[in-house]
Protein backbone atom coordinates (compact mmCIF):
# COMPACT_ATOMS: atom_id res chain seq x y z
CA UNK A 1 38.15 -18.34 17.91
CA UNK A 2 35.12 -16.39 19.06
CA UNK A 3 31.88 -17.55 17.45
CA UNK A 4 29.39 -14.97 16.14
CA UNK A 5 26.41 -14.36 18.38
CA UNK A 6 23.91 -14.84 15.55
CA UNK A 7 24.32 -17.02 12.50
CA UNK A 8 22.07 -18.98 10.19
CA UNK A 9 22.59 -21.05 7.06
CA UNK A 10 21.73 -19.34 3.78
CA UNK A 11 18.22 -20.00 2.46
CA UNK A 12 18.46 -21.94 -0.77
CA UNK A 13 16.17 -21.55 -3.75
CA UNK A 14 13.61 -24.33 -4.04
CA UNK A 15 11.01 -25.49 -6.51
CA UNK A 16 7.83 -23.40 -6.58
CA UNK A 17 9.73 -20.21 -5.72
CA UNK A 18 9.86 -17.15 -7.92
CA UNK A 19 13.30 -16.04 -9.07
CA UNK A 20 14.44 -12.98 -10.96
CA UNK A 21 17.19 -13.21 -13.57
CA UNK A 22 18.98 -10.07 -14.77
CA UNK A 23 21.03 -10.02 -17.98
CA UNK A 24 24.09 -7.82 -18.69
CA UNK A 25 21.82 -5.09 -20.14
CA UNK A 26 19.79 -4.90 -16.93
CA UNK A 27 16.70 -6.61 -18.34
CA UNK A 28 14.82 -8.63 -15.73
CA UNK A 29 13.01 -11.93 -16.17
CA UNK A 30 10.83 -13.52 -13.47
CA UNK A 31 9.62 -17.13 -13.42
CA UNK A 32 8.73 -19.97 -11.07
CA UNK A 33 11.27 -22.74 -10.49
CA UNK A 34 10.21 -26.24 -11.50
CA UNK A 35 12.45 -29.34 -11.72
CA UNK A 36 13.23 -30.37 -15.28
CA UNK A 37 11.99 -27.10 -16.81
CA UNK A 38 14.00 -24.53 -18.81
CA UNK A 39 13.87 -20.75 -19.06
CA UNK A 40 13.92 -19.75 -22.73
CA UNK A 41 15.67 -16.69 -24.15
CA UNK A 42 16.23 -15.80 -27.78
CA UNK A 43 19.90 -16.67 -27.32
CA UNK A 44 19.75 -19.90 -25.32
CA UNK A 45 18.23 -21.84 -22.45
CA UNK A 46 18.79 -21.99 -18.70
CA UNK A 47 17.89 -25.14 -16.81
CA UNK A 48 15.88 -24.60 -13.62
CA UNK A 49 17.91 -27.45 -12.12
CA UNK A 50 21.02 -25.24 -12.34
CA UNK A 51 19.34 -22.85 -9.87
CA UNK A 52 17.30 -25.10 -7.54
CA UNK A 53 19.18 -25.90 -4.34
CA UNK A 54 21.58 -22.95 -4.65
CA UNK A 55 21.56 -19.56 -2.91
CA UNK A 56 20.70 -16.13 -4.26
CA UNK A 57 23.44 -13.95 -5.70
CA UNK A 58 24.80 -16.57 -8.09
CA UNK A 59 25.46 -16.23 -11.83
CA UNK A 60 24.23 -18.83 -14.29
CA UNK A 61 24.96 -18.98 -18.00
CA UNK A 62 22.52 -20.01 -20.69
CA UNK A 63 23.42 -22.37 -23.52
CA UNK A 64 24.49 -19.36 -25.58
CA UNK A 65 27.11 -18.34 -23.02
CA UNK A 66 25.26 -15.27 -21.69
CA UNK A 67 25.46 -14.77 -17.91
CA UNK A 68 22.48 -13.94 -15.69
CA UNK A 69 22.39 -12.82 -12.04
CA UNK A 70 19.91 -14.73 -9.87
CA UNK A 71 17.96 -13.18 -6.97
CA UNK A 72 14.54 -13.48 -5.38
CA UNK A 73 12.26 -10.61 -6.49
CA UNK A 74 12.07 -7.65 -4.11
CA UNK A 75 8.75 -6.28 -2.91
CA UNK A 76 8.91 -3.58 -5.62
CA UNK A 77 9.69 -6.15 -8.33
CA UNK A 78 6.79 -8.35 -7.23
CA UNK A 79 4.26 -5.50 -7.03
CA UNK A 80 5.07 -4.04 -10.44
CA UNK A 81 4.91 -7.44 -12.18
CA UNK A 82 2.00 -9.17 -10.41
CA UNK A 83 -1.46 -9.63 -12.02
CA UNK A 84 -3.62 -6.60 -11.35
CA UNK A 85 -7.24 -5.76 -11.93
CA UNK A 86 -6.72 -2.28 -10.51
CA UNK A 87 -3.64 -0.08 -10.61
CA UNK A 88 -1.44 -0.43 -7.55
CA UNK A 89 -0.18 1.88 -4.82
CA UNK A 90 3.43 2.42 -5.88
CA UNK A 91 6.19 1.34 -3.49
CA UNK A 92 7.30 4.97 -3.02
CA UNK A 93 3.85 5.76 -1.62
CA UNK A 94 3.40 2.58 0.42
CA UNK A 95 6.80 3.26 2.00
CA UNK A 96 5.60 6.68 3.18
CA UNK A 97 2.33 5.22 4.43
CA UNK A 98 4.18 2.64 6.52
CA UNK A 99 6.81 5.01 7.95
CA UNK A 100 5.07 8.38 8.32
CA UNK A 101 1.82 6.62 9.21
CA UNK A 102 3.75 4.85 11.98
CA UNK A 103 2.49 1.35 11.13
CA UNK A 104 4.12 -0.58 13.96
CA UNK A 105 4.51 -4.30 14.87
CA UNK A 106 1.37 -5.52 16.61
CA UNK A 107 -0.88 -2.76 15.22
CA UNK A 108 -4.48 -3.32 14.14
CA UNK A 109 -4.82 -1.70 10.72
CA UNK A 110 -7.93 -1.20 8.59
CA UNK A 111 -7.49 -0.71 4.86
CA UNK A 112 -10.29 0.46 2.56
CA UNK A 113 -9.76 -0.26 -1.12
CA UNK A 114 -7.65 -3.44 -1.33
CA UNK A 115 -7.41 -3.25 -5.13
CA UNK A 116 -4.72 -5.68 -6.29
CA UNK A 117 -3.19 -6.15 -2.83
CA UNK A 118 0.04 -4.15 -3.17
CA UNK A 119 -0.46 -1.92 -0.12
CA UNK A 120 -1.83 -4.84 1.93
CA UNK A 121 1.51 -6.64 1.54
CA UNK A 122 3.45 -3.65 2.88
CA UNK A 123 1.03 -3.26 5.79
CA UNK A 124 1.23 -6.97 6.68
CA UNK A 125 5.02 -6.85 6.73
CA UNK A 126 4.93 -3.80 8.99
CA UNK A 127 2.44 -5.12 11.59
CA UNK A 128 4.20 -8.50 11.84
CA UNK A 129 2.70 -11.73 13.10
CA UNK A 130 1.33 -10.08 16.26
CA UNK A 131 -0.60 -7.43 14.33
CA UNK A 132 -3.57 -7.67 11.99
CA UNK A 133 -4.72 -6.07 8.73
CA UNK A 134 -8.40 -6.09 7.80
CA UNK A 135 -9.23 -4.91 4.28
CA UNK A 136 -12.55 -3.66 2.95
CA UNK A 137 -13.21 -3.78 -0.80
CA UNK A 138 -16.35 -2.87 -2.73
CA UNK A 139 -15.75 -5.21 -5.68
CA UNK A 140 -15.54 -8.94 -5.06
CA UNK A 141 -13.38 -9.45 -8.18
CA UNK A 142 -10.68 -7.18 -6.77
CA UNK A 143 -10.85 -8.90 -3.39
CA UNK A 144 -10.26 -12.24 -5.14
CA UNK A 145 -7.31 -10.89 -7.15
CA UNK A 146 -5.76 -9.31 -4.04
CA UNK A 147 -6.17 -12.57 -2.09
CA UNK A 148 -4.32 -14.48 -4.81
CA UNK A 149 -1.48 -11.95 -5.03
CA UNK A 150 -1.07 -11.75 -1.25
CA UNK A 151 -1.00 -15.55 -0.93
CA UNK A 152 1.55 -15.70 -3.75
CA UNK A 153 3.76 -13.07 -2.09
CA UNK A 154 3.71 -14.74 1.35
CA UNK A 155 3.68 -18.36 0.06
CA UNK A 156 0.21 -18.83 1.54
CA UNK A 157 -2.51 -16.65 3.00
CA UNK A 158 -1.31 -14.77 6.11
CA UNK A 159 -3.36 -15.74 9.15
CA UNK A 160 -3.48 -12.10 10.28
CA UNK A 161 -5.14 -10.81 7.08
CA UNK A 162 -8.84 -10.80 6.23
CA UNK A 163 -11.02 -9.04 3.68
CA UNK A 164 -14.66 -7.98 3.70
CA UNK A 165 -16.57 -7.12 0.53
CA UNK A 166 -18.72 -4.08 1.22
CA UNK A 167 -18.92 -0.35 1.95
CA UNK A 168 -16.55 0.67 4.73
CA UNK A 169 -19.02 3.17 6.19
CA UNK A 170 -21.54 0.38 6.85
CA UNK A 171 -19.31 -2.64 7.52
CA UNK A 172 -16.59 -1.08 9.69
CA UNK A 173 -18.91 -0.52 12.72
CA UNK A 174 -20.08 -4.13 12.38
CA UNK A 175 -16.50 -5.43 12.42
CA UNK A 176 -14.64 -3.29 14.97
CA UNK A 177 -15.72 -1.79 18.26
CA UNK A 178 -15.21 1.80 19.38
CA UNK A 179 -11.54 2.76 19.68
CA UNK A 180 -10.24 -0.69 18.70
CA UNK A 181 -8.28 0.28 15.55
CA UNK A 182 -4.79 1.81 15.55
CA UNK A 183 -4.53 2.94 11.91
CA UNK A 184 -6.94 3.40 8.99
CA UNK A 185 -5.71 3.67 5.40
CA UNK A 186 -8.23 4.91 2.82
CA UNK A 187 -7.59 4.39 -0.90
CA UNK A 188 -10.97 5.34 -2.32
CA UNK A 189 -12.83 7.92 -4.37
CA UNK A 190 -14.62 9.77 -1.54
CA UNK A 191 -12.78 9.21 1.76
CA UNK A 192 -14.60 12.16 3.39
CA UNK A 193 -17.81 10.11 3.41
CA UNK A 194 -16.27 7.57 5.82
CA UNK A 195 -15.11 9.89 8.59
CA UNK A 196 -17.95 9.13 11.02
CA UNK A 197 -17.21 5.40 10.95
CA UNK A 198 -13.43 5.92 10.90
CA UNK A 199 -13.38 8.32 13.86
CA UNK A 200 -15.55 5.91 15.86
CA UNK A 201 -13.23 2.94 15.22
CA UNK A 202 -9.92 4.78 15.76
CA UNK A 203 -8.37 4.90 19.21
CA UNK A 204 -7.25 8.30 20.59
CA UNK A 205 -3.92 9.10 18.94
CA UNK A 206 -4.71 6.75 16.06
CA UNK A 207 -3.93 7.86 12.52
CA UNK A 208 -6.09 8.03 9.40
CA UNK A 209 -4.26 8.12 6.07
CA UNK A 210 -5.92 8.83 2.73
CA UNK A 211 -4.42 8.22 -0.70
CA UNK A 212 -6.16 10.28 -3.41
CA UNK A 213 -5.34 11.16 -6.99
CA UNK A 214 -6.55 14.72 -7.57
CA UNK A 215 -6.34 18.18 -6.01
CA UNK A 216 -10.13 18.48 -5.39
CA UNK A 217 -10.07 15.15 -3.51
CA UNK A 218 -7.12 16.36 -1.46
CA UNK A 219 -8.84 19.63 -0.59
CA UNK A 220 -12.21 18.10 0.26
CA UNK A 221 -10.73 15.46 2.56
CA UNK A 222 -8.57 17.97 4.45
CA UNK A 223 -11.52 20.31 4.95
CA UNK A 224 -13.72 17.41 6.07
CA UNK A 225 -11.12 16.40 8.66
CA UNK A 226 -11.05 19.94 10.02
CA UNK A 227 -14.84 20.26 10.03
CA UNK A 228 -15.25 17.00 11.97
CA UNK A 229 -13.50 18.47 15.02
CA UNK A 230 -12.11 15.03 15.87
CA UNK A 231 -8.67 15.19 14.27
CA UNK A 232 -5.54 17.26 14.74
CA UNK A 233 -4.38 19.46 11.86
CA UNK A 234 -3.86 17.21 8.77
CA UNK A 235 -0.55 16.84 6.94
CA UNK A 236 -0.59 16.68 3.12
CA UNK A 237 2.19 15.64 0.75
CA UNK A 238 3.20 13.83 -2.39
CA UNK A 239 6.38 11.90 -3.20
CA UNK A 240 8.45 12.10 -6.37
CA UNK A 241 11.36 9.74 -7.00
CA UNK A 242 14.15 10.54 -9.46
CA UNK A 243 16.96 8.12 -10.14
CA UNK A 244 20.50 9.09 -11.12
CA UNK A 245 22.79 7.82 -13.85
CA UNK A 246 26.27 7.19 -12.39
CA UNK A 247 29.06 6.02 -14.69
CA UNK A 248 32.50 7.29 -13.74
CA UNK A 249 32.48 11.06 -14.15
CA UNK A 250 29.21 10.94 -16.11
CA UNK A 251 26.82 11.66 -13.24
CA UNK A 252 23.42 13.17 -14.00
CA UNK A 253 19.73 12.74 -13.17
CA UNK A 254 17.83 10.12 -15.13
CA UNK A 255 15.75 11.46 -17.98
CA UNK A 256 12.66 9.73 -16.58
CA UNK A 257 11.25 9.78 -13.08
CA UNK A 258 8.27 8.54 -11.09
CA UNK A 259 6.48 11.81 -10.51
CA UNK A 260 2.90 12.31 -9.30
CA UNK A 261 1.00 9.14 -8.47
CA UNK A 262 -1.17 10.38 -5.61
CA UNK A 263 -1.50 12.65 -2.59
CA UNK A 264 -1.17 11.44 0.99
CA UNK A 265 -3.15 13.07 3.82
CA UNK A 266 -2.53 12.07 7.45
CA UNK A 267 -4.29 13.16 10.64
CA UNK A 268 -4.36 11.97 14.26
CA UNK A 269 -7.50 11.21 16.25
CA UNK A 270 -8.15 13.52 19.18
CA UNK A 271 -9.51 12.18 22.48
CA UNK A 272 -13.29 12.22 22.83
CA UNK A 273 -14.57 15.58 23.94
CA UNK A 274 -11.31 17.40 23.12
CA UNK A 275 -11.25 19.94 20.31
CA UNK A 276 -8.08 20.25 18.21
CA UNK A 277 -5.99 23.38 18.32
CA UNK A 278 -6.96 25.77 15.55
CA UNK A 279 -4.23 26.50 13.06
CA UNK A 280 -3.21 30.17 13.14
CA UNK A 281 -3.39 31.65 9.66
CA UNK A 282 -3.79 34.96 7.95
CA UNK A 283 -7.38 35.89 7.05
CA UNK A 284 -8.28 35.36 3.42
CA UNK A 285 -8.65 38.46 1.34
CA UNK A 286 -12.05 37.46 -0.05
CA UNK A 287 -14.72 34.84 0.43
CA UNK A 288 -14.79 32.13 -2.23
CA UNK A 289 -17.37 32.73 -4.94
CA UNK A 290 -20.42 30.48 -5.03
CA UNK A 291 -19.49 29.11 -8.47
CA UNK A 292 -16.02 28.18 -7.20
CA UNK A 293 -17.50 26.28 -4.25
CA UNK A 294 -19.94 24.54 -6.60
CA UNK A 295 -17.13 23.48 -8.93
CA UNK A 296 -15.32 22.03 -5.91
CA UNK A 297 -18.24 20.21 -4.31
CA UNK A 298 -20.91 19.40 -6.87
CA UNK A 299 -19.23 17.33 -9.62
CA UNK A 300 -19.58 13.61 -8.97
CA UNK A 301 -16.26 11.93 -8.18
CA UNK A 302 -16.02 8.92 -10.49
CA UNK A 303 -13.20 6.69 -11.70
CA UNK A 304 -13.58 8.11 -15.20
CA UNK A 305 -13.49 11.69 -13.92
CA UNK A 306 -10.12 11.23 -12.21
CA UNK A 307 -8.65 9.10 -15.00
CA UNK A 308 -8.44 5.79 -13.14
CA UNK A 309 -7.90 2.73 -15.34
CA UNK A 310 -9.07 -0.69 -14.18
CA UNK A 311 -9.42 -4.07 -15.84
CA UNK A 312 -12.85 -5.06 -17.12
CA UNK A 313 -14.53 -7.99 -18.81
CA UNK A 314 -12.26 -10.60 -20.36
CA UNK A 315 -9.06 -9.00 -19.04
CA UNK A 316 -10.41 -8.95 -15.47
CA UNK A 317 -11.34 -12.64 -15.68
CA UNK A 318 -7.83 -13.45 -16.95
CA UNK A 319 -6.23 -11.51 -14.08
CA UNK A 320 -8.41 -13.39 -11.57
CA UNK A 321 -7.13 -16.69 -13.00
CA UNK A 322 -3.49 -15.56 -12.87
CA UNK A 323 -3.48 -14.16 -9.31
CA UNK A 324 -2.21 -16.88 -6.98
CA UNK A 325 -1.85 -19.41 -9.83
CA UNK A 326 1.64 -20.41 -8.66
CA UNK A 327 0.29 -21.77 -5.39
CA UNK A 328 -2.80 -23.39 -6.89
CA UNK A 329 -0.58 -25.25 -9.37
CA UNK A 330 1.88 -26.41 -6.69
CA UNK A 331 2.45 -30.18 -6.86
CA UNK A 332 0.99 -32.35 -4.13
CA UNK A 333 3.26 -32.82 -1.16
CA UNK A 334 5.00 -29.49 -1.67
CA UNK A 335 3.34 -27.97 1.41
CA UNK A 336 -0.18 -26.98 2.37
CA UNK A 337 -1.37 -23.57 1.26
CA UNK A 338 -4.35 -21.92 2.94
CA UNK A 339 -6.91 -20.37 0.63
CA UNK A 340 -8.56 -17.03 1.20
CA UNK A 341 -12.07 -16.76 2.56
CA UNK A 342 -13.57 -13.57 1.14
CA UNK A 343 -16.30 -12.37 3.52
CA UNK A 344 -19.33 -10.74 1.94
CA UNK A 345 -20.87 -7.69 3.55
CA UNK A 346 -24.50 -8.13 4.62
CA UNK A 347 -25.49 -4.89 2.96
CA UNK A 348 -24.97 -5.27 -0.81
CA UNK A 349 -24.00 -1.66 -1.47
CA UNK A 350 -23.13 0.09 -4.73
CA UNK A 351 -20.78 2.79 -3.46
CA UNK A 352 -17.68 2.57 -1.34
CA UNK A 353 -13.97 1.89 -1.37
CA UNK A 354 -12.04 2.36 -4.55
CA UNK A 355 -9.38 -0.03 -5.74
CA UNK A 356 -5.64 0.53 -5.48
CA UNK A 357 -4.55 3.20 -7.88
């Protein structure tokens, strides 16, 4: 009998791993496996020992006779349930950033605004072990939370990830030489203020991607890209995801959907000394009024102004304790886990990258 060219034994679930149990009503429960422990429901218990050493895709019953499916959490499940000090980039948006932004294995990627670490995880998966992701974050608390979540997701800090606390405009030139970066992802309040540093670091053909929440931010960044003369015509978009209910002949769209979360703007770096082609367009019927330009440019872009919600005070301290707790609490002898070294910027700035939204 011909043997398959590629085969491997199934990876069993072990202590210290996160598992996700789903009940017959579709409700999900996530917890960390520990020998001798039990998962409690209001209708019975499930012993962790009934799961440890077995593969995913099994069904276990609690003491009340209710069955649960057992799987490892997906990236989406992990991101939407992890501790967060700042709102996250949703998987539908990080998927577009990775694919349309052409984040490839071996790439050097700069990320500004690490937030809770959701986008960093997607970028690290995309660049692989031969690539590198360097994140810049203004707030040290968010850098600490992201480091814990990323270490939790990868079962230890990835060696190809690092984070600097500081303003991207000032710290990027100190970290990367001219033309040494393949991709730059900006998740911040005022990405147009970073274009000088970004264009210097990007290699010809490199891509800058901005993730912004509002229409004025979208417009100002696109116009700034055009005015710089260093980028090809930008592409702008947003993604909306709508699920469908399918049950026999009862097939219809879900009543709820993930609609607007943010805008994505992408542009490619031109070679030095080469001007981009001008987009052919019909002339505008009238010049914009001065008050319209002022309303577009003059208001200060703040987190409160665009409706961003972040954790503060006691809640932020609790999130910092929870992020990465699974690995910190791992019993001795269960495997060494590297801890994150958060690098401080030498500048001590007060403006810069915004957290994940």
